């Protein structure tokens, strides 16, 4: 099973700021969210993380006692010139293009289609790996990542393409599970959070 975890709340998430490649620490709530994900996991054989601090700190908080592999393909989308802006400061026409054109790339940034390509490659490799891969019956592969790559992985799983990301909500500190069936990847769980929610 491939278990995708969105990192806990960061300071930029709490401030309502677009956060792509910029590093931002977890808030106290984010640290609690990260720690609460550990008990939701079964047997884990491998842990992979985005290179960004908020993802690596979430992976460490799981308390799994496994080395954390860094894979740049799981990094957040690059918002380019809009990086660090408050959500309300992004021009309406930019939001419109993001919501309707998966190939739209802001100046200096990355498109959702580009995120989809790198994530599809990473998912394919994790499911094809012999030994400690996502098809290992002895345990799961955990990937700690961000909202856009996890949505891209869901799009890859259900064959919906990159535009599906615009119709999905994914909370910080959430869990998504993807298995493998006779015909390929199967979505088992999406956007699960600990109960009761972490405040």
N, C-alpha and C. Protein backbone atom coordinates (compact mmCIF):
# COMPACT_ATOMS: atom_id res chain seq x y z
N UNK A 1 0.85 -1.18 0.00
CA UNK A 1 0.00 0.00 0.00
C UNK A 1 0.89 1.24 0.00
N UNK A 2 0.48 2.23 -0.75
CA UNK A 2 1.14 3.53 -0.75
C UNK A 2 0.32 4.46 0.13
N UNK A 3 0.93 4.99 1.18
CA UNK A 3 0.25 5.87 2.11
C UNK A 3 0.83 7.27 1.95
N UNK A 4 0.00 8.19 1.51
CA UNK A 4 0.44 9.57 1.28
C UNK A 4 -0.05 10.45 2.41
N UNK A 5 0.88 11.13 3.05
CA UNK A 5 0.55 12.02 4.15
C UNK A 5 0.82 13.47 3.75
N UNK A 6 -0.16 14.33 3.92
CA UNK A 6 0.12 15.76 3.76
C UNK A 6 0.70 16.25 5.08
N UNK A 7 1.75 17.04 4.98
CA UNK A 7 2.42 17.57 6.17
C UNK A 7 1.44 18.30 7.08
N UNK A 8 1.83 18.46 8.33
CA UNK A 8 1.03 19.23 9.27
C UNK A 8 1.01 20.71 8.90
N UNK A 9 0.14 21.44 9.54
CA UNK A 9 0.00 22.88 9.26
C UNK A 9 1.32 23.60 9.45
N UNK A 10 1.67 24.43 8.47
CA UNK A 10 2.87 25.26 8.58
C UNK A 10 2.47 26.69 8.94
N UNK A 11 3.46 27.51 9.26
CA UNK A 11 3.18 28.91 9.59
C UNK A 11 2.55 29.63 8.40
N UNK A 12 2.96 29.28 7.18
CA UNK A 12 2.38 29.92 6.00
C UNK A 12 0.95 29.46 5.76
N UNK A 13 0.67 28.18 6.00
CA UNK A 13 -0.72 27.71 5.89
C UNK A 13 -1.61 28.49 6.85
N UNK A 14 -1.15 28.64 8.07
CA UNK A 14 -1.94 29.35 9.09
C UNK A 14 -2.17 30.80 8.71
N UNK A 15 -1.22 31.40 7.98
CA UNK A 15 -1.33 32.80 7.59
C UNK A 15 -2.09 33.00 6.29
N UNK A 16 -2.51 31.91 5.63
CA UNK A 16 -3.23 32.04 4.37
C UNK A 16 -2.37 32.50 3.22
N UNK A 17 -1.14 31.99 3.18
CA UNK A 17 -0.16 32.40 2.17
C UNK A 17 0.10 31.23 1.23
N UNK A 18 0.25 31.52 -0.07
CA UNK A 18 0.61 30.48 -1.03
C UNK A 18 2.02 29.99 -0.72
N UNK A 19 2.14 28.72 -0.46
CA UNK A 19 3.42 28.15 -0.04
C UNK A 19 3.78 27.00 -0.97
N UNK A 20 4.76 27.21 -1.81
CA UNK A 20 5.23 26.18 -2.70
C UNK A 20 6.58 25.66 -2.25
N UNK A 21 7.64 26.21 -2.84
CA UNK A 21 8.99 25.72 -2.57
C UNK A 21 9.65 26.40 -1.37
N UNK A 22 9.03 27.45 -0.83
CA UNK A 22 9.60 28.14 0.31
C UNK A 22 9.49 27.26 1.55
N UNK A 23 10.55 27.22 2.35
CA UNK A 23 10.50 26.47 3.59
C UNK A 23 9.78 27.27 4.66
N UNK A 24 8.93 26.60 5.40
CA UNK A 24 8.23 27.22 6.53
C UNK A 24 8.07 26.14 7.59
N UNK A 25 8.29 26.48 8.86
CA UNK A 25 8.19 25.47 9.91
C UNK A 25 6.74 25.10 10.21
N UNK A 26 6.57 23.97 10.86
CA UNK A 26 5.25 23.58 11.34
C UNK A 26 4.84 24.49 12.50
N UNK A 27 3.55 24.76 12.60
CA UNK A 27 3.02 25.42 13.79
C UNK A 27 2.91 24.37 14.90
N UNK A 28 2.55 24.81 16.11
CA UNK A 28 2.30 23.84 17.18
C UNK A 28 1.19 22.87 16.77
N UNK A 29 0.15 23.41 16.15
CA UNK A 29 -0.93 22.55 15.66
C UNK A 29 -0.39 21.56 14.62
N UNK A 30 0.46 22.04 13.72
CA UNK A 30 1.04 21.17 12.70
C UNK A 30 1.86 20.04 13.29
N UNK A 31 2.59 20.34 14.34
CA UNK A 31 3.37 19.29 15.03
C UNK A 31 2.46 18.26 15.67
N UNK A 32 1.35 18.72 16.24
CA UNK A 32 0.38 17.78 16.83
C UNK A 32 -0.29 16.94 15.75
N UNK A 33 -0.61 17.58 14.61
CA UNK A 33 -1.19 16.83 13.50
C UNK A 33 -0.23 15.74 13.02
N UNK A 34 1.03 16.08 12.89
CA UNK A 34 2.03 15.12 12.42
C UNK A 34 2.15 13.94 13.37
N UNK A 35 2.23 14.22 14.66
CA UNK A 35 2.35 13.15 15.65
C UNK A 35 1.11 12.26 15.67
N UNK A 36 -0.06 12.84 15.40
CA UNK A 36 -1.32 12.07 15.42
C UNK A 36 -1.45 11.12 14.22
N UNK A 37 -0.66 11.34 13.18
CA UNK A 37 -0.73 10.46 12.01
C UNK A 37 -0.07 9.11 12.28
N UNK A 38 0.95 9.09 13.13
CA UNK A 38 1.68 7.85 13.39
C UNK A 38 0.79 6.69 13.78
N UNK A 39 -0.12 6.87 14.75
CA UNK A 39 -0.99 5.76 15.17
C UNK A 39 -1.96 5.28 14.09
N UNK A 40 -2.16 6.06 13.02
CA UNK A 40 -3.06 5.64 11.94
C UNK A 40 -2.38 4.69 10.96
N UNK A 41 -1.08 4.54 11.09
CA UNK A 41 -0.32 3.73 10.15
C UNK A 41 -0.23 2.28 10.61
N UNK A 42 -0.14 1.39 9.64
CA UNK A 42 0.09 -0.01 9.94
C UNK A 42 1.58 -0.30 9.94
N UNK A 43 1.94 -1.45 9.43
CA UNK A 43 3.35 -1.82 9.30
C UNK A 43 3.96 -1.04 8.14
N UNK A 44 5.04 -0.35 8.39
CA UNK A 44 5.68 0.50 7.38
C UNK A 44 7.07 -0.04 7.08
N UNK A 45 7.37 -0.21 5.78
CA UNK A 45 8.68 -0.73 5.38
C UNK A 45 9.60 0.34 4.82
N UNK A 46 9.02 1.50 4.49
CA UNK A 46 9.82 2.54 3.84
C UNK A 46 9.15 3.88 4.03
N UNK A 47 9.96 4.94 4.23
CA UNK A 47 9.44 6.30 4.37
C UNK A 47 10.16 7.21 3.38
N UNK A 48 9.38 7.93 2.60
CA UNK A 48 9.90 8.87 1.59
C UNK A 48 9.33 10.24 1.92
N UNK A 49 10.11 11.28 1.68
CA UNK A 49 9.63 12.63 1.97
C UNK A 49 10.05 13.62 0.90
N UNK A 50 9.23 14.63 0.75
CA UNK A 50 9.64 15.84 0.03
C UNK A 50 10.86 16.42 0.74
N UNK A 51 11.70 17.17 0.02
CA UNK A 51 12.87 17.76 0.68
C UNK A 51 12.55 18.94 1.59
N UNK A 52 11.33 19.46 1.57
CA UNK A 52 11.03 20.66 2.35
C UNK A 52 10.88 20.34 3.83
N UNK A 53 11.28 21.29 4.67
CA UNK A 53 11.33 21.08 6.12
C UNK A 53 9.99 20.65 6.70
N UNK A 54 8.89 21.26 6.26
CA UNK A 54 7.59 20.91 6.83
C UNK A 54 7.23 19.45 6.59
N UNK A 55 7.67 18.89 5.47
CA UNK A 55 7.43 17.47 5.19
C UNK A 55 8.40 16.59 5.99
N UNK A 56 9.67 16.99 6.01
CA UNK A 56 10.66 16.19 6.75
C UNK A 56 10.36 16.17 8.25
N UNK A 57 9.92 17.30 8.79
CA UNK A 57 9.56 17.34 10.22
C UNK A 57 8.33 16.49 10.50
N UNK A 58 7.39 16.46 9.56
CA UNK A 58 6.22 15.59 9.72
C UNK A 58 6.65 14.13 9.70
N UNK A 59 7.54 13.77 8.78
CA UNK A 59 8.03 12.39 8.71
C UNK A 59 8.73 11.99 10.01
N UNK A 60 9.52 12.89 10.58
CA UNK A 60 10.23 12.60 11.83
C UNK A 60 9.25 12.41 12.98
N UNK A 61 8.16 13.19 12.98
CA UNK A 61 7.20 13.13 14.08
C UNK A 61 6.38 11.84 14.09
N UNK A 62 6.43 11.07 12.99
CA UNK A 62 5.68 9.82 12.94
C UNK A 62 6.24 8.78 13.91
N UNK A 63 7.51 8.93 14.26
CA UNK A 63 8.14 8.02 15.22
C UNK A 63 8.28 6.60 14.73
N UNK A 64 8.58 6.42 13.44
CA UNK A 64 8.64 5.08 12.86
C UNK A 64 9.99 4.40 13.02
N UNK A 65 11.02 5.17 13.34
CA UNK A 65 12.34 4.58 13.51
C UNK A 65 12.96 4.09 12.23
N UNK A 66 12.52 4.59 11.09
CA UNK A 66 13.08 4.22 9.78
C UNK A 66 13.80 5.41 9.18
N UNK A 67 14.81 5.16 8.35
CA UNK A 67 15.44 6.29 7.65
C UNK A 67 14.44 6.94 6.70
N UNK A 68 14.56 8.24 6.53
CA UNK A 68 13.67 8.98 5.63
C UNK A 68 14.42 9.27 4.34
N UNK A 69 13.91 8.74 3.24
CA UNK A 69 14.50 8.98 1.92
C UNK A 69 13.91 10.27 1.36
N UNK A 70 14.74 11.11 0.78
CA UNK A 70 14.26 12.36 0.17
C UNK A 70 14.10 12.15 -1.32
N UNK A 71 12.94 12.50 -1.84
CA UNK A 71 12.67 12.40 -3.27
C UNK A 71 12.09 13.74 -3.72
N UNK A 72 12.85 14.46 -4.53
CA UNK A 72 12.45 15.79 -4.99
C UNK A 72 11.15 15.79 -5.79
N UNK A 73 10.76 14.65 -6.33
CA UNK A 73 9.53 14.61 -7.13
C UNK A 73 8.28 14.84 -6.29
N UNK A 74 8.41 14.71 -4.98
CA UNK A 74 7.27 14.91 -4.08
C UNK A 74 7.21 16.32 -3.50
N UNK A 75 8.05 17.24 -4.02
CA UNK A 75 8.04 18.63 -3.55
C UNK A 75 6.76 19.31 -4.03
N UNK A 76 6.38 20.39 -3.36
CA UNK A 76 5.17 21.13 -3.72
C UNK A 76 5.34 21.82 -5.07
N UNK A 77 4.19 22.14 -5.70
CA UNK A 77 4.21 22.90 -6.94
C UNK A 77 4.93 24.22 -6.72
N UNK A 78 5.58 24.70 -7.75
CA UNK A 78 6.27 25.99 -7.70
C UNK A 78 5.29 27.06 -8.17
N UNK A 79 4.91 27.96 -7.27
CA UNK A 79 3.95 29.01 -7.61
C UNK A 79 4.59 30.20 -8.33
N UNK A 80 5.88 30.15 -8.54
CA UNK A 80 6.56 31.20 -9.28
C UNK A 80 6.37 32.56 -8.66
N UNK A 81 5.96 33.53 -9.47
CA UNK A 81 5.85 34.91 -9.00
C UNK A 81 4.78 35.09 -7.93
N UNK A 82 3.93 34.10 -7.73
CA UNK A 82 2.87 34.22 -6.72
C UNK A 82 3.26 33.58 -5.39
N UNK A 83 4.43 32.98 -5.34
CA UNK A 83 4.92 32.37 -4.10
C UNK A 83 4.94 33.40 -2.97
N UNK A 84 4.39 33.03 -1.84
CA UNK A 84 4.42 33.90 -0.67
C UNK A 84 3.32 34.93 -0.62
N UNK A 85 2.48 35.01 -1.65
CA UNK A 85 1.38 35.97 -1.63
C UNK A 85 0.23 35.42 -0.78
N UNK A 86 -0.51 36.35 -0.18
CA UNK A 86 -1.75 35.94 0.48
C UNK A 86 -2.72 35.51 -0.62
N UNK A 87 -3.57 34.54 -0.29
CA UNK A 87 -4.48 33.98 -1.29
C UNK A 87 -5.33 35.07 -1.94
N UNK A 88 -5.81 36.04 -1.15
CA UNK A 88 -6.65 37.10 -1.67
C UNK A 88 -5.92 38.09 -2.56
N UNK A 89 -4.57 38.03 -2.57
CA UNK A 89 -3.78 38.95 -3.40
C UNK A 89 -3.50 38.39 -4.79
N UNK A 90 -3.80 37.13 -5.02
CA UNK A 90 -3.57 36.54 -6.34
C UNK A 90 -4.67 37.03 -7.26
N UNK A 91 -4.31 37.60 -8.42
CA UNK A 91 -5.33 38.14 -9.33
C UNK A 91 -6.37 37.10 -9.73
N UNK A 92 -7.62 37.54 -9.88
CA UNK A 92 -8.73 36.64 -10.22
C UNK A 92 -8.47 35.89 -11.52
N UNK A 93 -7.85 36.55 -12.49
CA UNK A 93 -7.61 35.89 -13.77
C UNK A 93 -6.60 34.75 -13.64
N UNK A 94 -5.68 34.89 -12.68
CA UNK A 94 -4.72 33.81 -12.44
C UNK A 94 -5.44 32.61 -11.83
N UNK A 95 -6.29 32.84 -10.83
CA UNK A 95 -7.08 31.75 -10.25
C UNK A 95 -7.92 31.07 -11.31
N UNK A 96 -8.53 31.87 -12.19
CA UNK A 96 -9.38 31.31 -13.25
C UNK A 96 -8.56 30.38 -14.15
N UNK A 97 -7.38 30.79 -14.52
CA UNK A 97 -6.56 29.95 -15.39
C UNK A 97 -6.10 28.70 -14.66
N UNK A 98 -5.72 28.83 -13.38
CA UNK A 98 -5.32 27.66 -12.60
C UNK A 98 -6.46 26.66 -12.51
N UNK A 99 -7.69 27.16 -12.39
CA UNK A 99 -8.85 26.28 -12.20
C UNK A 99 -9.32 25.63 -13.49
N UNK A 100 -8.90 26.14 -14.62
CA UNK A 100 -9.40 25.62 -15.90
C UNK A 100 -8.32 25.07 -16.82
N UNK A 101 -7.06 25.39 -16.55
CA UNK A 101 -5.98 24.99 -17.46
C UNK A 101 -4.86 24.29 -16.69
N UNK A 102 -4.85 22.96 -16.66
CA UNK A 102 -3.77 22.26 -15.95
C UNK A 102 -2.37 22.57 -16.50
N UNK A 103 -2.30 23.07 -17.74
CA UNK A 103 -1.00 23.40 -18.33
C UNK A 103 -0.58 24.85 -18.04
N UNK A 104 -1.43 25.61 -17.35
CA UNK A 104 -1.07 27.00 -17.03
C UNK A 104 0.12 27.01 -16.08
N UNK A 105 1.13 27.80 -16.46
CA UNK A 105 2.32 27.94 -15.64
C UNK A 105 2.53 29.41 -15.32
N UNK A 106 2.47 29.79 -14.03
CA UNK A 106 2.74 31.19 -13.69
C UNK A 106 4.20 31.51 -13.98
N UNK A 107 4.50 32.78 -14.17
CA UNK A 107 5.87 33.18 -14.48
C UNK A 107 6.82 32.65 -13.41
N UNK A 108 7.84 31.93 -13.83
CA UNK A 108 8.83 31.39 -12.92
C UNK A 108 8.37 30.16 -12.16
N UNK A 109 7.19 29.65 -12.50
CA UNK A 109 6.63 28.54 -11.72
C UNK A 109 6.47 27.26 -12.50
N UNK A 110 5.49 26.48 -12.10
CA UNK A 110 5.29 25.13 -12.62
C UNK A 110 3.79 24.91 -12.80
N UNK A 111 3.42 24.13 -13.81
CA UNK A 111 2.01 23.83 -14.04
C UNK A 111 1.60 22.57 -13.28
N UNK A 112 0.28 22.40 -13.08
CA UNK A 112 -0.22 21.19 -12.45
C UNK A 112 0.06 19.97 -13.33
N UNK A 113 0.09 20.17 -14.65
CA UNK A 113 0.42 19.06 -15.55
C UNK A 113 1.86 18.60 -15.33
N UNK A 114 2.77 19.53 -15.08
CA UNK A 114 4.16 19.16 -14.80
C UNK A 114 4.27 18.42 -13.47
N UNK A 115 3.51 18.87 -12.47
CA UNK A 115 3.47 18.15 -11.20
C UNK A 115 2.96 16.73 -11.44
N UNK A 116 1.89 16.61 -12.23
CA UNK A 116 1.31 15.31 -12.52
C UNK A 116 2.29 14.36 -13.18
N UNK A 117 3.12 14.87 -14.08
CA UNK A 117 4.09 14.02 -14.77
C UNK A 117 5.13 13.47 -13.80
N UNK A 118 5.69 14.34 -12.95
CA UNK A 118 6.74 13.86 -12.04
C UNK A 118 6.17 12.92 -10.98
N UNK A 119 4.94 13.20 -10.52
CA UNK A 119 4.33 12.36 -9.49
C UNK A 119 3.93 11.00 -10.08
N UNK A 120 3.43 10.98 -11.30
CA UNK A 120 3.07 9.70 -11.93
C UNK A 120 4.29 8.80 -12.06
N UNK A 121 5.42 9.38 -12.42
CA UNK A 121 6.65 8.60 -12.51
C UNK A 121 7.04 8.05 -11.15
N UNK A 122 6.96 8.88 -10.12
CA UNK A 122 7.32 8.43 -8.77
C UNK A 122 6.38 7.33 -8.30
N UNK A 123 5.08 7.48 -8.53
CA UNK A 123 4.11 6.45 -8.13
C UNK A 123 4.37 5.14 -8.86
N UNK A 124 4.60 5.23 -10.16
CA UNK A 124 4.87 4.03 -10.94
C UNK A 124 6.08 3.28 -10.42
N UNK A 125 7.12 4.02 -10.07
CA UNK A 125 8.32 3.38 -9.52
C UNK A 125 8.05 2.73 -8.17
N UNK A 126 7.29 3.39 -7.32
CA UNK A 126 7.01 2.82 -6.00
C UNK A 126 6.20 1.54 -6.09
N UNK A 127 5.32 1.46 -7.08
CA UNK A 127 4.52 0.25 -7.24
C UNK A 127 5.25 -0.84 -8.02
N UNK A 128 6.31 -0.49 -8.72
CA UNK A 128 7.03 -1.51 -9.49
C UNK A 128 8.26 -2.02 -8.76
N UNK A 129 8.64 -1.37 -7.66
CA UNK A 129 9.85 -1.73 -6.93
C UNK A 129 9.72 -3.10 -6.29
N UNK A 130 10.71 -3.93 -6.51
CA UNK A 130 10.76 -5.21 -5.79
C UNK A 130 11.24 -4.94 -4.36
N UNK A 131 10.84 -5.79 -3.44
CA UNK A 131 11.27 -5.60 -2.06
C UNK A 131 10.43 -4.56 -1.37
N UNK A 132 11.06 -3.50 -0.89
CA UNK A 132 10.35 -2.49 -0.09
C UNK A 132 9.62 -1.49 -0.97
N UNK A 133 8.68 -2.00 -1.77
CA UNK A 133 7.85 -1.15 -2.61
C UNK A 133 6.42 -1.16 -2.12
N UNK A 134 5.56 -0.42 -2.81
CA UNK A 134 4.17 -0.28 -2.37
C UNK A 134 3.35 -1.55 -2.57
N UNK A 135 3.89 -2.54 -3.28
CA UNK A 135 3.20 -3.83 -3.41
C UNK A 135 3.71 -4.85 -2.40
N UNK A 136 4.61 -4.46 -1.52
CA UNK A 136 5.18 -5.36 -0.53
C UNK A 136 4.09 -5.81 0.44
N UNK A 137 3.78 -7.10 0.50
CA UNK A 137 2.72 -7.55 1.41
C UNK A 137 3.10 -7.41 2.88
N UNK A 138 4.37 -7.16 3.14
CA UNK A 138 4.82 -7.06 4.53
C UNK A 138 4.66 -5.69 5.15
N UNK A 139 4.28 -4.70 4.35
CA UNK A 139 4.15 -3.37 4.91
C UNK A 139 3.92 -2.31 3.86
N UNK A 140 3.72 -1.08 4.34
CA UNK A 140 3.37 0.04 3.48
C UNK A 140 4.57 0.94 3.22
N UNK A 141 4.49 1.68 2.11
CA UNK A 141 5.41 2.76 1.83
C UNK A 141 4.69 4.06 2.18
N UNK A 142 5.29 4.85 3.05
CA UNK A 142 4.72 6.14 3.45
C UNK A 142 5.47 7.25 2.72
N UNK A 143 4.73 8.14 2.09
CA UNK A 143 5.31 9.32 1.44
C UNK A 143 4.72 10.55 2.10
N UNK A 144 5.58 11.43 2.61
CA UNK A 144 5.12 12.68 3.21
C UNK A 144 5.32 13.79 2.18
N UNK A 145 4.24 14.44 1.81
CA UNK A 145 4.31 15.40 0.71
C UNK A 145 3.38 16.58 0.96
N UNK A 146 2.85 17.13 -0.12
CA UNK A 146 2.11 18.38 -0.10
C UNK A 146 0.80 18.23 -0.86
N UNK A 147 -0.01 19.27 -0.83
CA UNK A 147 -1.35 19.20 -1.39
C UNK A 147 -1.33 18.86 -2.89
N UNK A 148 -0.54 19.57 -3.69
CA UNK A 148 -0.59 19.36 -5.14
C UNK A 148 -0.06 17.99 -5.57
N UNK A 149 1.08 17.53 -5.05
CA UNK A 149 1.53 16.19 -5.45
C UNK A 149 0.58 15.07 -5.01
N UNK A 150 -0.03 15.20 -3.84
CA UNK A 150 -0.95 14.15 -3.39
C UNK A 150 -2.19 14.14 -4.28
N UNK A 151 -2.71 15.31 -4.62
CA UNK A 151 -3.84 15.36 -5.55
C UNK A 151 -3.45 14.78 -6.91
N UNK A 152 -2.23 15.04 -7.35
CA UNK A 152 -1.76 14.48 -8.62
C UNK A 152 -1.71 12.96 -8.55
N UNK A 153 -1.29 12.42 -7.40
CA UNK A 153 -1.25 10.97 -7.23
C UNK A 153 -2.66 10.37 -7.28
N UNK A 154 -3.63 11.08 -6.72
CA UNK A 154 -5.02 10.62 -6.80
C UNK A 154 -5.50 10.65 -8.25
N UNK A 155 -5.17 11.71 -8.97
CA UNK A 155 -5.54 11.79 -10.38
C UNK A 155 -4.95 10.64 -11.19
N UNK A 156 -3.68 10.31 -10.90
CA UNK A 156 -3.01 9.17 -11.55
C UNK A 156 -3.73 7.87 -11.20
N UNK A 157 -4.12 7.73 -9.96
CA UNK A 157 -4.76 6.50 -9.50
C UNK A 157 -6.09 6.25 -10.18
N UNK A 158 -6.93 7.27 -10.22
CA UNK A 158 -8.29 7.08 -10.75
C UNK A 158 -8.40 7.38 -12.24
N UNK A 159 -7.27 7.75 -12.88
CA UNK A 159 -7.27 8.01 -14.31
C UNK A 159 -8.03 9.26 -14.70
N UNK A 160 -8.10 10.22 -13.79
CA UNK A 160 -8.89 11.43 -14.05
C UNK A 160 -8.06 12.58 -14.61
N UNK A 161 -6.74 12.41 -14.65
CA UNK A 161 -5.91 13.48 -15.18
C UNK A 161 -5.65 14.59 -14.18
N UNK A 162 -4.91 15.58 -14.62
CA UNK A 162 -4.44 16.64 -13.73
C UNK A 162 -5.54 17.61 -13.30
N UNK A 163 -6.60 17.74 -14.09
CA UNK A 163 -7.66 18.70 -13.76
C UNK A 163 -8.43 18.29 -12.50
N UNK A 164 -8.38 17.02 -12.12
CA UNK A 164 -9.12 16.58 -10.94
C UNK A 164 -8.63 17.28 -9.67
N UNK A 165 -7.38 17.72 -9.67
CA UNK A 165 -6.82 18.40 -8.49
C UNK A 165 -7.66 19.61 -8.09
N UNK A 166 -8.27 20.23 -9.06
CA UNK A 166 -9.04 21.45 -8.80
C UNK A 166 -10.38 21.15 -8.14
N UNK A 167 -10.76 19.88 -8.06
CA UNK A 167 -12.05 19.50 -7.47
C UNK A 167 -11.88 18.71 -6.18
N UNK A 168 -10.67 18.72 -5.63
CA UNK A 168 -10.39 17.96 -4.42
C UNK A 168 -9.95 18.90 -3.30
N UNK A 169 -10.41 18.60 -2.09
CA UNK A 169 -9.94 19.32 -0.91
C UNK A 169 -9.09 18.35 -0.09
N UNK A 170 -7.92 18.81 0.32
CA UNK A 170 -7.01 17.97 1.09
C UNK A 170 -6.51 18.76 2.30
N UNK A 171 -6.83 18.29 3.48
CA UNK A 171 -6.48 18.98 4.72
C UNK A 171 -5.01 18.75 5.07
N UNK A 172 -4.44 19.69 5.83
CA UNK A 172 -3.12 19.44 6.41
C UNK A 172 -3.25 18.28 7.40
N UNK A 173 -2.18 17.53 7.57
CA UNK A 173 -2.20 16.41 8.50
C UNK A 173 -3.18 15.32 8.12
N UNK A 174 -3.34 15.08 6.79
CA UNK A 174 -4.30 14.08 6.33
C UNK A 174 -3.60 12.88 5.69
N UNK A 175 -4.36 11.82 5.53
CA UNK A 175 -3.84 10.54 5.04
C UNK A 175 -4.65 10.07 3.84
N UNK A 176 -3.94 9.62 2.81
CA UNK A 176 -4.55 9.05 1.60
C UNK A 176 -3.87 7.72 1.32
N UNK A 177 -4.67 6.68 1.05
CA UNK A 177 -4.10 5.35 0.78
C UNK A 177 -4.42 4.90 -0.64
N UNK A 178 -3.38 4.39 -1.33
CA UNK A 178 -3.54 3.85 -2.67
C UNK A 178 -3.01 2.42 -2.67
N UNK A 179 -3.85 1.50 -3.11
CA UNK A 179 -3.44 0.11 -3.22
C UNK A 179 -3.25 -0.29 -4.67
N UNK A 180 -3.07 -1.58 -4.90
CA UNK A 180 -2.89 -2.09 -6.26
C UNK A 180 -3.84 -3.24 -6.48
N UNK A 181 -4.68 -3.13 -7.50
CA UNK A 181 -5.63 -4.18 -7.82
C UNK A 181 -5.25 -4.87 -9.12
N UNK A 182 -6.09 -5.78 -9.60
CA UNK A 182 -5.79 -6.51 -10.84
C UNK A 182 -5.60 -5.60 -12.04
N UNK A 183 -6.27 -4.46 -12.03
CA UNK A 183 -6.18 -3.56 -13.18
C UNK A 183 -5.29 -2.36 -12.99
N UNK A 184 -4.62 -2.27 -11.83
CA UNK A 184 -3.77 -1.12 -11.58
C UNK A 184 -4.05 -0.50 -10.23
N UNK A 185 -3.73 0.78 -10.06
CA UNK A 185 -3.88 1.44 -8.76
C UNK A 185 -5.35 1.62 -8.39
N UNK A 186 -5.61 1.56 -7.06
CA UNK A 186 -6.97 1.69 -6.54
C UNK A 186 -6.94 2.64 -5.34
N UNK A 187 -7.80 3.64 -5.34
CA UNK A 187 -7.89 4.57 -4.22
C UNK A 187 -8.67 3.92 -3.08
N UNK A 188 -8.03 3.75 -1.93
CA UNK A 188 -8.68 3.15 -0.77
C UNK A 188 -9.20 4.20 0.19
N UNK A 189 -8.43 5.25 0.43
CA UNK A 189 -8.79 6.28 1.41
C UNK A 189 -8.30 7.62 0.89
N UNK A 190 -9.12 8.67 1.08
CA UNK A 190 -8.69 10.01 0.68
C UNK A 190 -8.99 11.00 1.80
N UNK A 191 -8.02 11.81 2.16
CA UNK A 191 -8.19 12.95 3.07
C UNK A 191 -8.69 12.52 4.46
N UNK A 192 -8.20 11.39 4.97
CA UNK A 192 -8.59 10.96 6.31
C UNK A 192 -7.78 11.74 7.34
N UNK A 193 -8.43 12.16 8.41
CA UNK A 193 -7.75 12.88 9.48
C UNK A 193 -8.06 12.20 10.80
N UNK A 194 -7.19 12.38 11.81
CA UNK A 194 -7.48 11.79 13.11
C UNK A 194 -8.81 12.29 13.68
N UNK A 195 -9.45 11.43 14.43
CA UNK A 195 -10.71 11.80 15.10
C UNK A 195 -10.49 11.72 16.60
N UNK A 196 -10.82 12.78 17.36
CA UNK A 196 -11.32 14.07 16.88
C UNK A 196 -10.22 14.87 16.20
N UNK A 197 -10.61 15.85 15.38
CA UNK A 197 -9.62 16.65 14.66
C UNK A 197 -8.67 17.36 15.63
N UNK A 198 -7.45 17.62 15.17
CA UNK A 198 -6.46 18.32 15.97
C UNK A 198 -6.74 19.82 15.88
N UNK A 199 -6.86 20.48 17.04
CA UNK A 199 -7.08 21.94 17.06
C UNK A 199 -5.80 22.66 17.43
